[in-house]
Amino acid sequence: MQRNSAFGRMWTSFGMGRKPQTTPPQDSPARIRSDALADAPHLVHGFCGNGLMPGVSVLTLDGALPVEYLAPGDRIITRDSGTAVLQAVRRARRHLPRVHIQAGTLGHMRPNSDLTLPASQQILIRDWRAKALFGRSSALIPAKRLIDGTFIRDDGSAACEMTELIFDAPHILYVDGLELASSAPLTARPEPQRQPHQM
């Protein structure tokens, strides 16, 4: 197994029985890479609405791993394309409205444990809710549209450490048993304008 895989980074962080840190240290390679990428000119700036909070697990080719240990180059399992290579990770502290979803609310093991998401995070639903709301077998909607006051509830607003997983195209990710939309894809660099050849 490659040392720099997501699983390798998580395993190394345990050290001599130590618990993994909930966020990468400031001087860690993963944090340095993500901070540098956040300022890169080829990224879409601003929160697009899709992001993950600390503690959730994302399904990768190394298994389900905490979002804190993912870094560019990791291979993520997706519903729409099988796998996709993670292009960038952007981490920032933001004050956002949140939605709490009780385990099993959206189907068996969906999610597989209680889960808190940004209210704007898009969820792929494939049950009676999609039929009732949109007349379709499946639909991609923000978490806040699913609030019922009992099993899915408004969890108020708070400052949260957000992680945005960015690919070269939109994808549907498996996160704690739910199917969630990824962040906005990378924006292609504009091609330089060529001057017409002078005769």
Protein backbone atom coordinates (compact mmCIF):
# COMPACT_ATOMS: atom_id res chain seq x y z
CA MET A 1 0.00 0.00 0.00
CA GLN A 2 1.32 3.40 -0.87
CA ARG A 3 2.56 5.39 2.11
CA ASN A 4 0.86 8.58 0.98
CA SER A 5 -2.59 7.01 0.54
CA ALA A 6 -5.47 8.31 2.63
CA PHE A 7 -5.43 5.11 4.69
CA GLY A 8 -1.66 5.40 5.16
CA ARG A 9 -1.97 8.97 6.41
CA MET A 10 -4.73 7.98 8.84
CA TRP A 11 -2.79 4.95 10.13
CA THR A 12 0.38 7.00 10.64
CA SER A 13 -1.54 9.60 12.63
CA PHE A 14 -2.39 7.01 15.31
CA GLY A 15 1.32 6.68 16.21
CA MET A 16 1.83 4.90 19.53
CA GLY A 17 -1.86 4.43 20.25
CA ARG A 18 -2.65 8.12 19.93
CA LYS A 19 -6.05 9.16 18.63
CA PRO A 20 -6.07 10.93 15.25
CA GLN A 21 -6.37 14.69 15.29
CA THR A 22 -9.75 16.01 14.24
CA THR A 23 -8.06 18.48 11.88
CA PRO A 24 -4.64 18.26 10.20
CA PRO A 25 -1.91 20.20 12.04
CA GLN A 26 -0.85 23.49 10.49
CA ASP A 27 2.51 22.10 9.35
CA SER A 28 1.23 18.78 7.98
CA PRO A 29 1.67 18.04 4.25
CA ALA A 30 -2.12 17.61 3.83
CA ARG A 31 -2.83 20.99 5.47
CA ILE A 32 -0.08 22.76 3.54
CA ARG A 33 -1.34 21.31 0.25
CA SER A 34 -4.95 22.24 0.92
CA ASP A 35 -4.08 25.77 2.08
CA ALA A 36 -1.96 26.35 -1.02
CA LEU A 37 -4.67 24.98 -3.30
CA ALA A 38 -7.28 27.23 -1.70
CA ASP A 39 -5.38 30.26 -2.99
CA ALA A 40 -4.59 28.82 -6.40
CA PRO A 41 -5.98 30.80 -9.36
CA HIS A 42 -7.51 27.75 -11.00
CA LEU A 43 -10.00 27.07 -8.18
CA VAL A 44 -13.57 28.22 -7.80
CA HIS A 45 -13.60 30.62 -4.83
CA GLY A 46 -16.43 30.98 -2.33
CA PHE A 47 -18.51 28.31 -0.60
CA CYS A 48 -20.66 26.53 -3.17
CA GLY A 49 -22.98 25.01 -0.57
CA ASN A 50 -21.64 21.45 -0.57
CA GLY A 51 -19.20 20.65 2.22
CA LEU A 52 -18.52 18.15 4.99
CA MET A 53 -18.03 18.58 8.71
CA PRO A 54 -15.35 16.86 10.84
CA GLY A 55 -16.01 13.25 11.78
CA VAL A 56 -17.85 12.08 8.66
CA SER A 57 -16.41 9.23 6.60
CA VAL A 58 -16.11 9.20 2.81
CA LEU A 59 -15.97 5.95 0.82
CA THR A 60 -12.62 5.60 -0.99
CA LEU A 61 -10.69 2.78 -2.63
CA ASP A 62 -8.97 2.39 0.76
CA GLY A 63 -12.34 2.02 2.48
CA ALA A 64 -14.47 4.49 4.42
CA LEU A 65 -12.08 7.13 5.76
CA PRO A 66 -12.50 10.32 7.82
CA VAL A 67 -12.77 13.39 5.62
CA GLU A 68 -9.93 14.97 7.62
CA TYR A 69 -7.41 12.54 6.07
CA LEU A 70 -8.27 13.04 2.43
CA ALA A 71 -5.87 14.90 0.15
CA PRO A 72 -5.47 15.62 -3.57
CA GLY A 73 -4.70 12.44 -5.51
CA ASP A 74 -6.88 10.17 -3.38
CA ARG A 75 -9.30 7.95 -5.31
CA ILE A 76 -12.89 8.38 -4.18
CA ILE A 77 -15.72 5.98 -4.97
CA THR A 78 -18.64 7.76 -6.63
CA ARG A 79 -22.15 6.70 -7.63
CA ASP A 80 -22.00 8.29 -11.08
CA SER A 81 -18.54 7.30 -12.35
CA GLY A 82 -17.27 4.44 -10.20
CA THR A 83 -14.17 6.29 -8.99
CA ALA A 84 -12.80 9.81 -9.29
CA VAL A 85 -9.45 11.35 -8.39
CA LEU A 86 -9.69 14.10 -5.80
CA GLN A 87 -8.24 17.25 -7.35
CA ALA A 88 -8.28 19.63 -4.39
CA VAL A 89 -9.29 19.89 -0.75
CA ARG A 90 -10.38 23.21 0.68
CA ARG A 91 -10.77 23.64 4.43
CA ALA A 92 -12.14 26.74 6.11
CA ARG A 93 -14.06 27.77 9.20
CA ARG A 94 -17.48 29.12 8.28
CA HIS A 95 -20.63 30.16 10.14
CA LEU A 96 -23.42 28.14 8.57
CA PRO A 97 -26.96 26.89 9.22
CA ARG A 98 -26.97 23.14 9.87
CA VAL A 99 -29.36 20.22 9.53
CA HIS A 100 -29.28 17.13 11.77
CA ILE A 101 -30.37 13.81 10.23
CA GLN A 102 -31.21 10.85 12.44
CA ALA A 103 -29.70 7.48 11.54
CA GLY A 104 -31.80 5.44 9.10
CA THR A 105 -34.16 8.29 8.25
CA LEU A 106 -33.61 8.16 4.47
CA GLY A 107 -33.54 4.36 4.23
CA HIS A 108 -31.74 1.40 5.74
CA MET A 109 -28.36 2.71 7.04
CA ARG A 110 -29.04 6.04 5.30
CA PRO A 111 -27.27 7.56 7.12
CA ASN A 112 -25.63 4.79 9.11
CA SER A 113 -25.34 7.09 12.16
CA ASP A 114 -26.70 10.47 13.19
CA LEU A 115 -25.26 13.07 10.84
CA THR A 116 -25.03 16.86 10.75
CA LEU A 117 -24.65 18.64 7.41
CA PRO A 118 -24.67 22.22 6.14
CA ALA A 119 -28.27 23.15 5.33
CA SER A 120 -27.22 23.78 1.73
CA GLN A 121 -25.53 20.39 1.20
CA GLN A 122 -27.23 18.56 -1.67
CA ILE A 123 -28.42 15.02 -0.95
CA LEU A 124 -29.47 12.45 -3.54
CA ILE A 125 -32.76 10.99 -2.33
CA ARG A 126 -34.24 7.84 -3.82
CA ASP A 127 -37.34 7.16 -1.76
CA TRP A 128 -40.96 8.37 -1.40
CA ARG A 129 -39.70 11.91 -0.73
CA ALA A 130 -38.41 12.26 -4.29
CA LYS A 131 -41.75 11.05 -5.62
CA ALA A 132 -43.76 13.31 -3.31
CA LEU A 133 -41.68 16.45 -3.86
CA PHE A 134 -40.73 16.12 -7.52
CA GLY A 135 -42.72 13.25 -9.00
CA ARG A 136 -39.47 11.41 -9.76
CA SER A 137 -37.75 8.30 -8.49
CA SER A 138 -34.69 10.30 -7.41
CA ALA A 139 -33.75 13.93 -6.87
CA LEU A 140 -30.80 16.03 -5.70
CA ILE A 141 -31.94 18.58 -3.12
CA PRO A 142 -30.49 20.68 -0.27
CA ALA A 143 -30.68 19.14 3.20
CA LYS A 144 -32.85 22.02 4.44
CA ARG A 145 -35.66 20.96 2.06
CA LEU A 146 -35.94 17.66 3.96
CA ILE A 147 -36.53 19.13 7.42
CA ASP A 148 -39.56 17.50 9.07
CA GLY A 149 -38.99 18.68 12.64
CA THR A 150 -38.65 15.13 14.00
CA PHE A 151 -36.16 12.91 12.20
CA ILE A 152 -34.57 15.69 10.15
CA ARG A 153 -34.37 18.94 12.06
CA ASP A 154 -32.95 22.41 11.95
CA ASP A 155 -29.79 22.33 14.09
CA GLY A 156 -29.27 26.09 14.17
CA SER A 157 -26.26 28.03 12.92
CA ALA A 158 -22.72 27.67 14.21
CA ALA A 159 -19.09 28.16 13.23
CA CYS A 160 -17.93 24.89 11.65
CA GLU A 161 -14.73 23.53 10.15
CA MET A 162 -15.83 22.76 6.60
CA THR A 163 -14.07 20.48 4.12
CA GLU A 164 -14.88 20.81 0.43
CA LEU A 165 -13.87 17.92 -1.84
CA ILE A 166 -13.23 19.21 -5.34
CA PHE A 167 -12.99 17.18 -8.53
CA ASP A 168 -12.68 18.00 -12.23
CA ALA A 169 -16.42 17.33 -12.62
CA PRO A 170 -19.45 17.09 -10.29
CA HIS A 171 -19.82 13.72 -8.55
CA ILE A 172 -22.06 11.94 -6.07
CA LEU A 173 -20.07 10.71 -3.06
CA TYR A 174 -20.88 8.08 -0.45
CA VAL A 175 -20.72 9.73 2.98
CA ASP A 176 -21.81 7.79 6.08
CA GLY A 177 -24.37 5.90 4.01
CA LEU A 178 -25.78 8.96 2.24
CA GLU A 179 -25.19 10.00 -1.36
CA LEU A 180 -23.99 13.61 -1.35
CA ALA A 181 -22.99 16.02 -4.11
CA SER A 182 -19.37 17.12 -4.27
CA SER A 183 -18.27 20.75 -4.29
CA ALA A 184 -18.11 22.78 -7.49
CA PRO A 185 -15.48 21.40 -9.91
CA LEU A 186 -12.24 23.08 -10.81
CA THR A 187 -12.51 25.94 -13.24
CA ALA A 188 -10.39 25.51 -16.33
CA ARG A 189 -7.71 28.10 -16.90
CA PRO A 190 -8.60 30.41 -19.80
CA GLU A 191 -6.59 29.79 -22.92
CA PRO A 192 -4.38 32.73 -23.91
CA GLN A 193 -5.62 34.62 -26.94
CA ARG A 194 -3.41 34.08 -29.96
CA GLN A 195 -2.60 37.09 -32.06
CA PRO A 196 -3.28 36.66 -35.80
CA HIS A 197 -0.15 36.01 -37.80
CA GLN A 198 1.20 39.17 -39.34
CA MET A 199 2.11 38.87 -43.01
